[in-house]
Amino acid sequence: MYFIENGDLNKDHVDDIAFILQNNDSGSRILGIAFGKKKRGYVLQEQDGGRFIAPKGNTDAFVDMSIQDGTLRFKFLLPGSHAYDNDDSFIFRFQNKRFELIGWERKLRSKKNDRVNEVTSVNFSTQTVIYEDRTKKSETRQKRFDYGRLKTLGNVVPGKFSLSYDKL
């Protein structure tokens, strides 16, 4: 067991678990999510073959996982350009019988001084995006957008997932 978190993900007042298993030989990782049963035990609800939790085999990208307010949250530090890294956060909620992406945030972090220069924060539930430029002019912009059907845990890949404020 590499990582484990407990909390209620399906609003039944029973603790569920999200866990990451790691193969000690290969280093490969698998994400699993199991719903707790009222009379003990768990039922596997979701399993990822490593596509989400170790994007492109990059096991160093995963930083943290938590269960807060009925949501499953992940943090990744992903390589960006030669001067910046992407500090990405994903928030999923179990709804419509699947884990849907309801929030995403990307912080553009300088490799040189670890300073955050830009933040893009997307709330898919309210269909609102906020872009903040923290460089010299320090500008914040916000707008609503129409996104359509929400992405799920099974079709989001950290490092490949991206949204541009100007293109929404």
C-alpha atoms as a PDB file:
ATOM      1  CA  MET A   1       0.000   0.000   0.000  1.00  0.00           C
ATOM      2  CA  TYR A   2       1.535   3.296  -1.106  1.00  0.00           C
ATOM      3  CA  PHE A   3      -1.174   5.751   0.003  1.00  0.00           C
ATOM      4  CA  ILE A   4      -4.642   5.516   1.593  1.00  0.00           C
ATOM      5  CA  GLU A   5      -7.397   7.991   2.524  1.00  0.00           C
ATOM      6  CA  ASN A   6     -10.734   7.428   4.295  1.00  0.00           C
ATOM      7  CA  GLY A   7     -13.947   9.449   4.075  1.00  0.00           C
ATOM      8  CA  ASP A   8     -17.510   9.364   2.797  1.00  0.00           C
ATOM      9  CA  LEU A   9     -17.569   9.720  -0.994  1.00  0.00           C
ATOM     10  CA  ASN A  10     -21.129   8.583  -1.816  1.00  0.00           C
ATOM     11  CA  LYS A  11     -23.115  10.385   0.919  1.00  0.00           C
ATOM     12  CA  ASP A  12     -24.236   7.209   2.738  1.00  0.00           C
ATOM     13  CA  HIS A  13     -22.529   8.177   6.042  1.00  0.00           C
ATOM     14  CA  VAL A  14     -20.176   5.176   5.782  1.00  0.00           C
ATOM     15  CA  ASP A  15     -16.416   5.649   5.357  1.00  0.00           C
ATOM     16  CA  ASP A  16     -15.086   4.771   1.913  1.00  0.00           C
ATOM     17  CA  ILE A  17     -11.423   4.370   0.964  1.00  0.00           C
ATOM     18  CA  ALA A  18      -9.257   5.621  -1.855  1.00  0.00           C
ATOM     19  CA  PHE A  19      -5.930   3.864  -2.105  1.00  0.00           C
ATOM     20  CA  ILE A  20      -2.845   3.633  -4.271  1.00  0.00           C
ATOM     21  CA  LEU A  21      -1.030   0.340  -4.628  1.00  0.00           C
ATOM     22  CA  GLN A  22       2.582   0.287  -5.799  1.00  0.00           C
ATOM     23  CA  ASN A  23       4.487  -2.647  -7.232  1.00  0.00           C
ATOM     24  CA  ASN A  24       7.798  -2.696  -5.373  1.00  0.00           C
ATOM     25  CA  ASP A  25       9.657  -4.214  -8.335  1.00  0.00           C
ATOM     26  CA  SER A  26       8.397  -2.087 -11.230  1.00  0.00           C
ATOM     27  CA  GLY A  27       7.263   0.993  -9.286  1.00  0.00           C
ATOM     28  CA  SER A  28       3.976   1.017 -11.211  1.00  0.00           C
ATOM     29  CA  ARG A  29       0.925   2.309  -9.356  1.00  0.00           C
ATOM     30  CA  ILE A  30      -2.810   1.640  -9.397  1.00  0.00           C
ATOM     31  CA  LEU A  31      -5.557   3.801  -7.907  1.00  0.00           C
ATOM     32  CA  GLY A  32      -8.529   2.052  -6.325  1.00  0.00           C
ATOM     33  CA  ILE A  33     -11.699   3.439  -4.771  1.00  0.00           C
ATOM     34  CA  ALA A  34     -13.949   1.246  -2.641  1.00  0.00           C
ATOM     35  CA  PHE A  35     -17.259   2.124  -1.009  1.00  0.00           C
ATOM     36  CA  GLY A  36     -17.769   0.999   2.562  1.00  0.00           C
ATOM     37  CA  LYS A  37     -20.692  -1.267   3.383  1.00  0.00           C
ATOM     38  CA  LYS A  38     -22.905  -0.581   6.393  1.00  0.00           C
ATOM     39  CA  LYS A  39     -22.190  -4.019   7.914  1.00  0.00           C
ATOM     40  CA  ARG A  40     -18.397  -3.973   7.336  1.00  0.00           C
ATOM     41  CA  GLY A  41     -16.311  -4.562   4.291  1.00  0.00           C
ATOM     42  CA  TYR A  42     -15.917  -2.709   1.012  1.00  0.00           C
ATOM     43  CA  VAL A  43     -17.076  -2.920  -2.602  1.00  0.00           C
ATOM     44  CA  LEU A  44     -14.604  -1.851  -5.306  1.00  0.00           C
ATOM     45  CA  GLN A  45     -16.188   1.047  -7.205  1.00  0.00           C
ATOM     46  CA  GLU A  46     -13.358   2.299  -9.428  1.00  0.00           C
ATOM     47  CA  GLN A  47      -9.942   1.072 -10.463  1.00  0.00           C
ATOM     48  CA  ASP A  48      -7.402   2.896 -12.560  1.00  0.00           C
ATOM     49  CA  GLY A  49      -4.670   0.946 -14.284  1.00  0.00           C
ATOM     50  CA  GLY A  50      -2.137   3.685 -13.563  1.00  0.00           C
ATOM     51  CA  ARG A  51      -3.253   6.077 -16.310  1.00  0.00           C
ATOM     52  CA  PHE A  52      -4.443   8.721 -13.861  1.00  0.00           C
ATOM     53  CA  ILE A  53      -2.269   8.186 -10.802  1.00  0.00           C
ATOM     54  CA  ALA A  54       1.013   7.767 -12.726  1.00  0.00           C
ATOM     55  CA  PRO A  55       0.543   9.737 -15.974  1.00  0.00           C
ATOM     56  CA  LYS A  56       2.851   8.474 -18.723  1.00  0.00           C
ATOM     57  CA  GLY A  57       4.546   6.292 -16.101  1.00  0.00           C
ATOM     58  CA  ASN A  58       5.615   9.392 -14.164  1.00  0.00           C
ATOM     59  CA  THR A  59       5.293   8.217 -10.559  1.00  0.00           C
ATOM     60  CA  ASP A  60       7.098  11.347  -9.323  1.00  0.00           C
ATOM     61  CA  ALA A  61       4.182  13.558 -10.463  1.00  0.00           C
ATOM     62  CA  PHE A  62       1.778  12.451  -7.695  1.00  0.00           C
ATOM     63  CA  VAL A  63       1.982  14.668  -4.597  1.00  0.00           C
ATOM     64  CA  ASP A  64      -1.140  14.099  -2.501  1.00  0.00           C
ATOM     65  CA  MET A  65      -4.656  12.651  -2.317  1.00  0.00           C
ATOM     66  CA  SER A  66      -7.411  13.573   0.144  1.00  0.00           C
ATOM     67  CA  ILE A  67     -11.116  13.155   0.789  1.00  0.00           C
ATOM     68  CA  GLN A  68     -12.801  16.427   1.807  1.00  0.00           C
ATOM     69  CA  ASP A  69     -16.489  17.336   1.922  1.00  0.00           C
ATOM     70  CA  GLY A  70     -17.478  14.246  -0.062  1.00  0.00           C
ATOM     71  CA  THR A  71     -14.952  14.942  -2.817  1.00  0.00           C
ATOM     72  CA  LEU A  72     -11.783  13.134  -3.860  1.00  0.00           C
ATOM     73  CA  ARG A  73      -8.856  15.509  -4.431  1.00  0.00           C
ATOM     74  CA  PHE A  74      -5.494  14.942  -6.080  1.00  0.00           C
ATOM     75  CA  LYS A  75      -2.376  17.098  -6.407  1.00  0.00           C
ATOM     76  CA  PHE A  76       0.323  16.616  -9.028  1.00  0.00           C
ATOM     77  CA  LEU A  77       3.553  18.454  -9.844  1.00  0.00           C
ATOM     78  CA  LEU A  78       4.077  18.050 -13.571  1.00  0.00           C
ATOM     79  CA  PRO A  79       6.902  19.169 -15.824  1.00  0.00           C
ATOM     80  CA  GLY A  80       6.004  22.206 -17.896  1.00  0.00           C
ATOM     81  CA  SER A  81       8.322  24.277 -20.040  1.00  0.00           C
ATOM     82  CA  HIS A  82      12.055  24.592 -19.411  1.00  0.00           C
ATOM     83  CA  ALA A  83      11.418  27.360 -16.842  1.00  0.00           C
ATOM     84  CA  TYR A  84       8.106  26.318 -15.252  1.00  0.00           C
ATOM     85  CA  ASP A  85       6.350  23.362 -13.636  1.00  0.00           C
ATOM     86  CA  ASN A  86       2.595  22.851 -13.470  1.00  0.00           C
ATOM     87  CA  ASP A  87       1.143  22.407  -9.999  1.00  0.00           C
ATOM     88  CA  ASP A  88      -2.210  20.738 -10.862  1.00  0.00           C
ATOM     89  CA  SER A  89      -5.130  19.930  -8.554  1.00  0.00           C
ATOM     90  CA  PHE A  90      -8.149  17.826  -9.534  1.00  0.00           C
ATOM     91  CA  ILE A  91     -11.434  17.517  -7.608  1.00  0.00           C
ATOM     92  CA  PHE A  92     -13.854  14.661  -8.318  1.00  0.00           C
ATOM     93  CA  ARG A  93     -17.328  14.031  -6.902  1.00  0.00           C
ATOM     94  CA  PHE A  94     -19.263  10.775  -7.124  1.00  0.00           C
ATOM     95  CA  GLN A  95     -22.438  11.735  -8.971  1.00  0.00           C
ATOM     96  CA  ASN A  96     -24.419  10.196 -11.820  1.00  0.00           C
ATOM     97  CA  LYS A  97     -22.934   6.827 -10.761  1.00  0.00           C
ATOM     98  CA  ARG A  98     -19.373   7.902 -11.621  1.00  0.00           C
ATOM     99  CA  PHE A  99     -16.554  10.116 -10.386  1.00  0.00           C
ATOM    100  CA  GLU A 100     -16.936  13.385 -12.305  1.00  0.00           C
ATOM    101  CA  LEU A 101     -14.370  16.176 -12.503  1.00  0.00           C
ATOM    102  CA  ILE A 102     -15.912  19.195 -10.776  1.00  0.00           C
ATOM    103  CA  GLY A 103     -12.782  21.286 -10.213  1.00  0.00           C
ATOM    104  CA  TRP A 104      -9.337  21.795 -11.683  1.00  0.00           C
ATOM    105  CA  GLU A 105      -6.597  24.274 -10.855  1.00  0.00           C
ATOM    106  CA  ARG A 106      -3.223  24.848 -12.452  1.00  0.00           C
ATOM    107  CA  LYS A 107      -0.504  26.971 -10.906  1.00  0.00           C
ATOM    108  CA  LEU A 108       2.379  27.870 -13.195  1.00  0.00           C
ATOM    109  CA  ARG A 109       5.350  27.620 -10.822  1.00  0.00           C
ATOM    110  CA  SER A 110       8.829  28.967 -11.598  1.00  0.00           C
ATOM    111  CA  LYS A 111      11.599  26.367 -11.334  1.00  0.00           C
ATOM    112  CA  LYS A 112      14.054  29.149 -10.520  1.00  0.00           C
ATOM    113  CA  ASN A 113      12.397  30.642  -7.413  1.00  0.00           C
ATOM    114  CA  ASP A 114       9.297  28.435  -6.816  1.00  0.00           C
ATOM    115  CA  ARG A 115       7.075  31.506  -7.308  1.00  0.00           C
ATOM    116  CA  VAL A 116       3.560  31.034  -8.726  1.00  0.00           C
ATOM    117  CA  ASN A 117       3.205  33.323 -11.752  1.00  0.00           C
ATOM    118  CA  GLU A 118      -0.225  32.276 -13.079  1.00  0.00           C
ATOM    119  CA  VAL A 119      -3.264  30.481 -11.658  1.00  0.00           C
ATOM    120  CA  THR A 120      -6.148  29.066 -13.683  1.00  0.00           C
ATOM    121  CA  SER A 121      -9.014  27.782 -11.534  1.00  0.00           C
ATOM    122  CA  VAL A 122     -12.035  26.038 -13.088  1.00  0.00           C
ATOM    123  CA  ASN A 123     -15.271  25.129 -11.305  1.00  0.00           C
ATOM    124  CA  PHE A 124     -17.179  22.797 -13.621  1.00  0.00           C
ATOM    125  CA  SER A 125     -20.243  22.749 -11.331  1.00  0.00           C
ATOM    126  CA  THR A 126     -20.776  26.519 -11.566  1.00  0.00           C
ATOM    127  CA  GLN A 127     -19.145  26.702 -15.027  1.00  0.00           C
ATOM    128  CA  THR A 128     -16.837  29.481 -13.897  1.00  0.00           C
ATOM    129  CA  VAL A 129     -13.167  29.995 -14.692  1.00  0.00           C
ATOM    130  CA  ILE A 130     -10.817  32.421 -12.957  1.00  0.00           C
ATOM    131  CA  TYR A 131      -7.441  33.382 -14.396  1.00  0.00           C
ATOM    132  CA  GLU A 132      -4.911  35.239 -12.267  1.00  0.00           C
ATOM    133  CA  ASP A 133      -1.666  36.702 -13.603  1.00  0.00           C
ATOM    134  CA  ARG A 134       0.675  37.286 -10.642  1.00  0.00           C
ATOM    135  CA  THR A 135       3.506  38.867 -12.593  1.00  0.00           C
ATOM    136  CA  LYS A 136       4.166  42.622 -12.694  1.00  0.00           C
ATOM    137  CA  LYS A 137       0.625  43.740 -13.566  1.00  0.00           C
ATOM    138  CA  SER A 138      -1.196  41.287 -11.235  1.00  0.00           C
ATOM    139  CA  GLU A 139      -4.416  40.851 -13.219  1.00  0.00           C
ATOM    140  CA  THR A 140      -7.454  38.683 -12.374  1.00  0.00           C
ATOM    141  CA  ARG A 141     -10.167  37.779 -14.901  1.00  0.00           C
ATOM    142  CA  GLN A 142     -13.303  35.698 -14.423  1.00  0.00           C
ATOM    143  CA  LYS A 143     -15.981  34.414 -16.799  1.00  0.00           C
ATOM    144  CA  ARG A 144     -18.656  31.784 -17.192  1.00  0.00           C
ATOM    145  CA  PHE A 145     -18.460  29.098 -19.867  1.00  0.00           C
ATOM    146  CA  ASP A 146     -20.478  26.192 -21.260  1.00  0.00           C
ATOM    147  CA  TYR A 147     -18.576  22.935 -20.941  1.00  0.00           C
ATOM    148  CA  GLY A 148     -21.161  20.230 -21.599  1.00  0.00           C
ATOM    149  CA  ARG A 149     -20.806  16.753 -20.126  1.00  0.00           C
ATOM    150  CA  LEU A 150     -18.315  16.487 -17.267  1.00  0.00           C
ATOM    151  CA  LYS A 151     -15.164  14.447 -17.654  1.00  0.00           C
ATOM    152  CA  THR A 152     -14.701  11.418 -15.424  1.00  0.00           C
ATOM    153  CA  LEU A 153     -11.799   9.967 -13.486  1.00  0.00           C
ATOM    154  CA  GLY A 154     -11.419   7.397 -16.261  1.00  0.00           C
ATOM    155  CA  ASN A 155     -10.831   9.942 -19.023  1.00  0.00           C
ATOM    156  CA  VAL A 156      -8.652  12.578 -17.331  1.00  0.00           C
ATOM    157  CA  VAL A 157      -4.875  12.246 -17.618  1.00  0.00           C
ATOM    158  CA  PRO A 158      -2.766  14.676 -15.563  1.00  0.00           C
ATOM    159  CA  GLY A 159      -0.224  16.378 -17.785  1.00  0.00           C
ATOM    160  CA  LYS A 160      -2.450  16.002 -20.842  1.00  0.00           C
ATOM    161  CA  PHE A 161      -5.496  17.744 -19.358  1.00  0.00           C
ATOM    162  CA  SER A 162      -5.447  21.486 -19.897  1.00  0.00           C
ATOM    163  CA  LEU A 163      -7.856  24.367 -20.404  1.00  0.00           C
ATOM    164  CA  SER A 164      -7.060  27.865 -21.563  1.00  0.00           C
ATOM    165  CA  TYR A 165      -8.981  30.829 -20.155  1.00  0.00           C
ATOM    166  CA  ASP A 166      -8.999  32.536 -23.546  1.00  0.00           C
ATOM    167  CA  LYS A 167     -10.395  29.465 -25.333  1.00  0.00           C
ATOM    168  CA  LEU A 168     -13.370  28.929 -22.990  1.00  0.00           C
END
